Amino acid sequence: MKLAKKIVFLGTGGTIAGTAATAGDNIGYTAAQVGIQDLLATVPSLDGLTVESEQVAQLDSKDMEFGVWAALLGRVAHWLADENVQGVVITHGTDTLEETAFFLQSVLRPAKPVVLTCAMRPATALVPDGLQNLMDAVSVVLDPRARGVVVVCAGVVHGAQDVQKVHPYRIDAFDSRDAGPVAYVEEGNVVLMRNWASAQDLPPHFAIDLILSGALWPRVEIVMSHAGASGAVVDALLLPPAEATPPLRGLVVASTGNGTVHQSLEAALLRAQAAGVRVARATRCMQGRILPTAASTLPSADGLSPVKARVAMMLALMAGGK
């Protein structure tokens, strides 16, 4: 007899699992207090579905670590390989959600849906938003068209490549920049706006194995260009690191406008590039991408935000530049 498809929930903490001393407090809460099983007990749309759950981590996502990413990657890859799994839902804090989503999509590019969801209000709020986000995430997983890593928040489905947190407080805190949302979830129905992310039937196991083997994550830092910027931070980063700190391998500069960089900072970045440090320019602008010119001395980050450009650079360095 063919088994019913199941949904796997992986908990990592965040505001969706947060609690406050009073129900009216939406900002003075402590994140990552409620376990994934207790969260799922409140979701009515799970009735009649086959469900598995695991607590991969329990942390405020501002404190996300590479070790948690590796553990999460391993569990997602494990469950995606199960032919009886329809898809995976990950509960996550909002602060670094876009980085985790981009990391998972970059490594896995899954043919099944992997849905990260979250909350801007704790579970103890008078009107919590996490429950509806969980229900919407389930709707996306159950949609036979769904694939790839996406983020579901406030009824909007964002692609991992484009999603960005744009507000520190509103429940609709995410945006998809120029690309626009992949879909909307309306009363359990997924209304598609554009194509799902490209997928592959088999993940690149060399990348998964490398990360799960405990390989050292290359050290890549982000600097910002601004009025009065200098090269002092870059020059300091180039100094021999303290004991147990890995050497600098890459720099992403959050540039102004169309990839412009203050002349003093640019001179330091060129020194770093000449010393063998990989450098890439992302833009501080919320929309658009850098259009390089013939005079560009530093490569652009291919339309990625600064934090995602950093993830992409770390993965490329880890894979030997491939």
Protein backbone atom coordinates (compact mmCIF):
# COMPACT_ATOMS: atom_id res chain seq x y z
CA MET A 1 0.00 0.00 0.00
CA LYS A 2 1.33 3.44 -0.95
CA LEU A 3 2.14 5.55 2.08
CA ALA A 4 0.57 9.01 2.46
CA LYS A 5 2.96 11.85 1.75
CA LYS A 6 4.24 13.48 4.90
CA ILE A 7 5.39 16.94 5.86
CA VAL A 8 8.52 17.37 7.95
CA PHE A 9 8.84 20.31 10.35
CA LEU A 10 12.29 21.39 11.52
CA GLY A 11 12.44 23.87 14.41
CA THR A 12 15.27 26.34 14.90
CA GLY A 13 13.70 28.80 17.36
CA GLY A 14 13.08 32.46 16.59
CA THR A 15 10.24 34.82 17.47
CA ILE A 16 7.68 32.29 16.30
CA ALA A 17 8.78 30.24 19.32
CA GLY A 18 9.19 33.26 21.59
CA THR A 19 7.36 34.13 24.80
CA ALA A 20 6.78 37.35 26.75
CA ALA A 21 5.79 37.94 30.36
CA THR A 22 2.58 39.68 29.27
CA ALA A 23 0.34 39.06 26.28
CA GLY A 24 0.42 42.70 25.25
CA ASP A 25 4.20 42.77 24.83
CA ASN A 26 5.25 42.29 21.20
CA ILE A 27 8.86 43.44 21.52
CA GLY A 28 10.09 42.60 25.03
CA TYR A 29 9.94 38.84 24.51
CA THR A 30 12.54 36.11 24.65
CA ALA A 31 12.94 34.20 21.38
CA ALA A 32 13.22 30.42 21.03
CA GLN A 33 11.29 29.24 24.10
CA VAL A 34 8.59 26.99 22.61
CA GLY A 35 9.51 23.62 21.10
CA ILE A 36 8.46 22.66 17.59
CA GLN A 37 6.05 19.97 18.80
CA ASP A 38 4.23 22.46 21.02
CA LEU A 39 3.98 24.90 18.13
CA LEU A 40 2.53 22.25 15.85
CA ALA A 41 -0.07 21.31 18.44
CA THR A 42 -1.74 24.67 17.73
CA VAL A 43 -2.00 24.24 13.93
CA PRO A 44 -5.50 23.03 12.96
CA SER A 45 -4.64 22.50 9.28
CA LEU A 46 -2.42 19.52 10.21
CA ASP A 47 -5.45 17.36 10.99
CA GLY A 48 -5.39 14.30 8.74
CA LEU A 49 -1.81 14.88 7.57
CA THR A 50 1.21 12.69 8.26
CA VAL A 51 3.72 14.83 10.13
CA GLU A 52 7.28 14.43 11.42
CA SER A 53 9.07 17.04 13.51
CA GLU A 54 12.59 17.63 14.78
CA GLN A 55 14.15 20.34 16.93
CA VAL A 56 17.35 21.09 15.00
CA ALA A 57 18.24 24.15 17.09
CA GLN A 58 16.64 26.55 19.56
CA LEU A 59 18.09 30.04 19.18
CA ASP A 60 17.40 33.65 18.37
CA SER A 61 18.32 33.88 14.69
CA LYS A 62 20.52 36.93 15.30
CA ASP A 63 22.87 34.33 16.82
CA MET A 64 22.78 31.97 13.82
CA GLU A 65 26.00 29.98 13.46
CA PHE A 66 27.59 27.97 10.67
CA GLY A 67 27.26 24.82 12.79
CA VAL A 68 23.50 25.25 12.87
CA TRP A 69 23.45 25.77 9.11
CA ALA A 70 25.38 22.53 8.66
CA ALA A 71 23.02 20.61 10.95
CA LEU A 72 19.98 22.07 9.22
CA LEU A 73 21.39 21.26 5.79
CA GLY A 74 21.98 17.66 6.84
CA ARG A 75 18.44 17.18 8.11
CA VAL A 76 16.82 18.86 5.11
CA ALA A 77 18.88 16.75 2.70
CA HIS A 78 17.99 13.62 4.68
CA TRP A 79 14.25 14.24 4.53
CA LEU A 80 14.20 15.38 0.91
CA ALA A 81 15.74 12.05 -0.06
CA ASP A 82 12.72 10.24 1.43
CA GLU A 83 10.28 9.55 -1.39
CA ASN A 84 7.38 9.71 1.05
CA VAL A 85 8.14 13.29 2.06
CA GLN A 86 6.12 15.97 0.29
CA GLY A 87 8.26 18.82 1.59
CA VAL A 88 9.93 20.45 4.57
CA VAL A 89 8.84 23.40 6.72
CA ILE A 90 11.46 25.21 8.80
CA THR A 91 10.53 27.57 11.62
CA HIS A 92 13.13 30.32 11.85
CA GLY A 93 13.77 33.75 13.31
CA THR A 94 13.36 36.70 10.95
CA ASP A 95 16.71 38.42 11.49
CA THR A 96 18.88 36.05 9.42
CA LEU A 97 16.12 34.12 7.67
CA GLU A 98 17.09 35.46 4.22
CA GLU A 99 20.65 34.21 4.67
CA THR A 100 19.57 30.71 5.74
CA ALA A 101 17.10 30.49 2.85
CA PHE A 102 19.72 31.57 0.33
CA PHE A 103 22.28 29.14 1.76
CA LEU A 104 19.89 26.18 1.51
CA GLN A 105 18.76 27.08 -2.01
CA SER A 106 22.34 27.59 -3.20
CA VAL A 107 23.46 24.17 -1.99
CA LEU A 108 20.32 22.09 -2.55
CA ARG A 109 18.18 23.70 -5.30
CA PRO A 110 15.56 21.12 -4.31
CA ALA A 111 12.85 19.75 -6.58
CA LYS A 112 10.60 19.54 -3.51
CA PRO A 113 9.45 22.58 -1.53
CA VAL A 114 11.47 23.73 1.48
CA VAL A 115 9.48 26.46 3.20
CA LEU A 116 10.97 28.73 5.85
CA THR A 117 8.41 30.52 7.97
CA CYS A 118 8.57 32.84 10.94
CA ALA A 119 6.75 35.41 13.06
CA MET A 120 7.14 39.04 14.00
CA ARG A 121 5.18 38.58 17.22
CA PRO A 122 5.86 36.00 19.94
CA ALA A 123 3.64 32.97 20.47
CA THR A 124 2.20 34.63 23.60
CA ALA A 125 1.01 37.80 21.79
CA LEU A 126 -2.64 38.82 21.91
CA VAL A 127 -2.74 38.37 18.13
CA PRO A 128 0.23 36.17 17.19
CA ASP A 129 1.09 35.88 13.50
CA GLY A 130 3.11 32.66 13.66
CA LEU A 131 0.13 30.31 13.56
CA GLN A 132 -1.20 31.76 10.29
CA ASN A 133 2.29 31.69 8.80
CA LEU A 134 2.61 28.00 9.70
CA MET A 135 -0.76 27.27 8.11
CA ASP A 136 0.27 29.14 4.96
CA ALA A 137 3.58 27.24 4.86
CA VAL A 138 1.65 23.96 4.93
CA SER A 139 -0.50 25.19 2.03
CA VAL A 140 2.63 25.86 -0.01
CA VAL A 141 4.13 22.44 0.74
CA LEU A 142 0.89 20.75 -0.29
CA ASP A 143 0.75 22.61 -3.62
CA PRO A 144 1.91 20.14 -6.29
CA ARG A 145 3.62 22.93 -8.25
CA ALA A 146 5.84 24.07 -5.38
CA ARG A 147 9.59 23.53 -5.44
CA GLY A 148 12.76 25.11 -4.19
CA VAL A 149 13.48 27.07 -1.03
CA VAL A 150 10.96 29.82 -0.31
CA VAL A 151 9.97 32.05 2.60
CA VAL A 152 6.34 32.39 3.66
CA CYS A 153 5.36 35.38 5.78
CA ALA A 154 2.12 37.39 6.04
CA GLY A 155 0.51 35.49 3.19
CA VAL A 156 3.35 36.14 0.74
CA VAL A 157 5.69 33.55 -0.79
CA HIS A 158 9.18 34.94 -1.44
CA GLY A 159 11.96 33.21 -3.38
CA ALA A 160 15.19 32.56 -1.50
CA GLN A 161 17.23 34.46 -4.11
CA ASP A 162 15.26 37.68 -3.67
CA VAL A 163 13.77 37.78 -0.16
CA GLN A 164 14.95 40.52 2.18
CA LYS A 165 13.78 41.73 5.56
CA VAL A 166 12.73 45.35 5.08
CA HIS A 167 10.98 46.30 8.33
CA PRO A 168 11.96 45.74 11.98
CA TYR A 169 8.44 45.52 13.41
CA ARG A 170 5.55 45.08 10.93
CA ILE A 171 4.17 41.57 10.46
CA ASP A 172 4.71 41.91 6.69
CA ALA A 173 8.42 42.45 7.24
CA PHE A 174 9.72 40.89 4.01
CA ASP A 175 9.95 41.95 0.38
CA SER A 176 11.17 40.36 -2.85
CA ARG A 177 12.82 43.48 -4.26
CA ASP A 178 12.51 43.89 -8.06
CA ALA A 179 11.55 40.27 -8.69
CA GLY A 180 8.28 40.44 -6.78
CA PRO A 181 6.74 37.56 -4.81
CA VAL A 182 6.56 34.03 -6.16
CA ALA A 183 2.97 33.65 -4.94
CA TYR A 184 0.34 34.67 -2.41
CA VAL A 185 -1.51 32.34 -0.04
CA GLU A 186 -5.20 33.22 0.08
CA GLU A 187 -7.34 31.14 2.42
CA GLY A 188 -5.19 28.08 1.83
CA ASN A 189 -4.94 28.59 -1.95
CA VAL A 190 -1.55 29.32 -3.52
CA VAL A 191 -1.94 31.99 -6.21
CA LEU A 192 1.14 31.91 -8.41
CA MET A 193 2.70 35.16 -9.61
CA ARG A 194 5.86 33.87 -11.32
CA ASN A 195 7.88 30.70 -11.78
CA TRP A 196 9.31 28.72 -8.89
CA ALA A 197 13.08 28.58 -8.56
CA SER A 198 15.04 26.27 -10.83
CA ALA A 199 15.48 22.81 -9.33
CA GLN A 200 17.62 19.74 -9.75
CA ASP A 201 16.70 16.13 -9.11
CA LEU A 202 19.88 15.36 -7.21
CA PRO A 203 21.68 17.83 -4.94
CA PRO A 204 25.43 18.46 -5.40
CA HIS A 205 26.59 15.97 -2.80
CA PHE A 206 30.18 17.21 -2.95
CA ALA A 207 29.01 20.49 -1.43
CA ILE A 208 26.82 18.80 1.17
CA ASP A 209 29.54 16.35 2.15
CA LEU A 210 32.10 19.13 2.39
CA ILE A 211 29.92 21.19 4.72
CA LEU A 212 28.82 18.24 6.83
CA SER A 213 32.41 17.05 7.18
CA GLY A 214 33.10 20.10 9.33
CA ALA A 215 35.19 21.93 6.75
CA LEU A 216 36.31 25.37 7.89
CA TRP A 217 34.06 28.13 6.64
CA PRO A 218 36.19 30.74 4.84
CA ARG A 219 36.28 34.06 6.65
CA VAL A 220 34.44 36.70 4.61
CA GLU A 221 33.62 40.11 6.06
CA ILE A 222 31.29 42.93 4.97
CA VAL A 223 32.33 46.58 4.89
CA MET A 224 30.23 49.59 3.87
CA SER A 225 30.96 52.59 1.71
CA HIS A 226 29.58 55.88 3.02
CA ALA A 227 30.39 59.57 3.24
CA GLY A 228 33.79 59.97 4.86
CA ALA A 229 34.66 56.29 4.52
CA SER A 230 38.31 55.29 4.89
CA GLY A 231 40.33 52.18 4.25
CA ALA A 232 41.17 51.73 7.93
CA VAL A 233 38.77 48.84 8.54
CA VAL A 234 40.01 46.95 5.47
CA ASP A 235 43.65 47.52 6.41
CA ALA A 236 42.92 46.26 9.93
CA LEU A 237 41.24 43.16 8.55
CA LEU A 238 44.33 42.43 6.47
CA LEU A 239 46.58 42.32 9.53
CA PRO A 240 47.63 38.84 10.78
CA PRO A 241 44.63 37.53 12.76
CA ALA A 242 44.64 36.64 16.42
CA GLU A 243 45.29 33.03 17.35
CA ALA A 244 42.41 30.68 16.41
CA THR A 245 40.93 33.30 14.04
CA PRO A 246 41.08 32.19 10.40
CA PRO A 247 42.75 34.53 7.90
CA LEU A 248 40.63 36.84 5.80
CA ARG A 249 39.61 35.21 2.52
CA GLY A 250 37.01 37.58 1.14
CA LEU A 251 35.40 41.01 1.42
CA VAL A 252 31.99 42.20 0.31
CA VAL A 253 31.54 45.94 0.13
CA ALA A 254 28.04 47.39 0.48
CA SER A 255 28.59 50.12 -2.06
CA THR A 256 26.65 53.27 -2.79
CA GLY A 257 24.45 53.55 -5.87
CA ASN A 258 25.58 51.61 -8.92
CA GLY A 259 28.55 50.04 -7.18
CA THR A 260 30.38 53.25 -6.37
CA VAL A 261 32.90 53.13 -3.52
CA HIS A 262 34.57 56.01 -1.66
CA GLN A 263 38.03 56.51 -3.14
CA SER A 264 39.83 55.85 0.15
CA LEU A 265 37.92 52.62 0.76
CA GLU A 266 38.34 51.56 -2.86
CA ALA A 267 42.11 51.98 -2.61
CA ALA A 268 42.16 49.69 0.44
CA LEU A 269 39.94 47.13 -1.30
CA LEU A 270 42.28 47.10 -4.29
CA ARG A 271 45.19 46.49 -1.90
CA ALA A 272 43.27 43.59 -0.41
CA GLN A 273 42.47 42.20 -3.85
CA ALA A 274 46.15 42.44 -4.83
CA ALA A 275 47.03 40.53 -1.64
CA GLY A 276 44.84 37.61 -2.74
CA VAL A 277 41.60 38.48 -0.91
CA ARG A 278 38.49 38.00 -3.03
CA VAL A 279 36.44 41.23 -3.25
CA ALA A 280 32.91 41.82 -4.55
CA ARG A 281 30.65 44.85 -4.69
CA ALA A 282 27.00 44.68 -3.66
CA THR A 283 24.82 47.77 -3.45
CA ARG A 284 23.24 49.39 -0.41
CA CYS A 285 20.16 50.12 -2.54
CA MET A 286 17.10 48.03 -1.71
CA GLN A 287 16.19 47.56 -5.36
CA GLY A 288 18.09 47.00 -8.57
CA ARG A 289 21.48 45.51 -9.29
CA ILE A 290 24.91 46.89 -10.11
CA LEU A 291 25.53 47.42 -13.82
CA PRO A 292 29.32 47.18 -14.22
CA THR A 293 31.21 49.44 -16.58
CA ALA A 294 34.44 49.00 -18.51
CA ALA A 295 36.17 51.09 -15.84
CA SER A 296 35.07 48.85 -12.94
CA THR A 297 38.06 47.72 -10.89
CA LEU A 298 36.13 45.47 -8.51
CA PRO A 299 33.71 42.70 -9.56
CA SER A 300 30.01 43.00 -8.73
CA ALA A 301 27.99 40.50 -6.69
CA ASP A 302 25.60 39.53 -9.48
CA GLY A 303 22.59 41.30 -7.99
CA LEU A 304 22.87 39.79 -4.53
CA SER A 305 22.39 41.80 -1.35
CA PRO A 306 25.54 42.23 0.77
CA VAL A 307 24.63 39.43 3.21
CA LYS A 308 23.77 36.99 0.43
CA ALA A 309 26.87 37.95 -1.53
CA ARG A 310 28.86 36.98 1.55
CA VAL A 311 27.18 33.56 1.68
CA ALA A 312 27.80 33.01 -2.03
CA MET A 313 31.45 33.98 -1.66
CA MET A 314 31.96 31.65 1.31
CA LEU A 315 30.46 28.73 -0.61
CA ALA A 316 32.58 29.49 -3.68
CA LEU A 317 35.75 29.70 -1.60
CA MET A 318 34.86 26.52 0.24
CA ALA A 319 34.43 24.73 -3.07
CA GLY A 320 37.79 25.96 -4.30
CA GLY A 321 36.39 28.75 -6.43
CA LYS A 322 34.16 26.50 -8.55
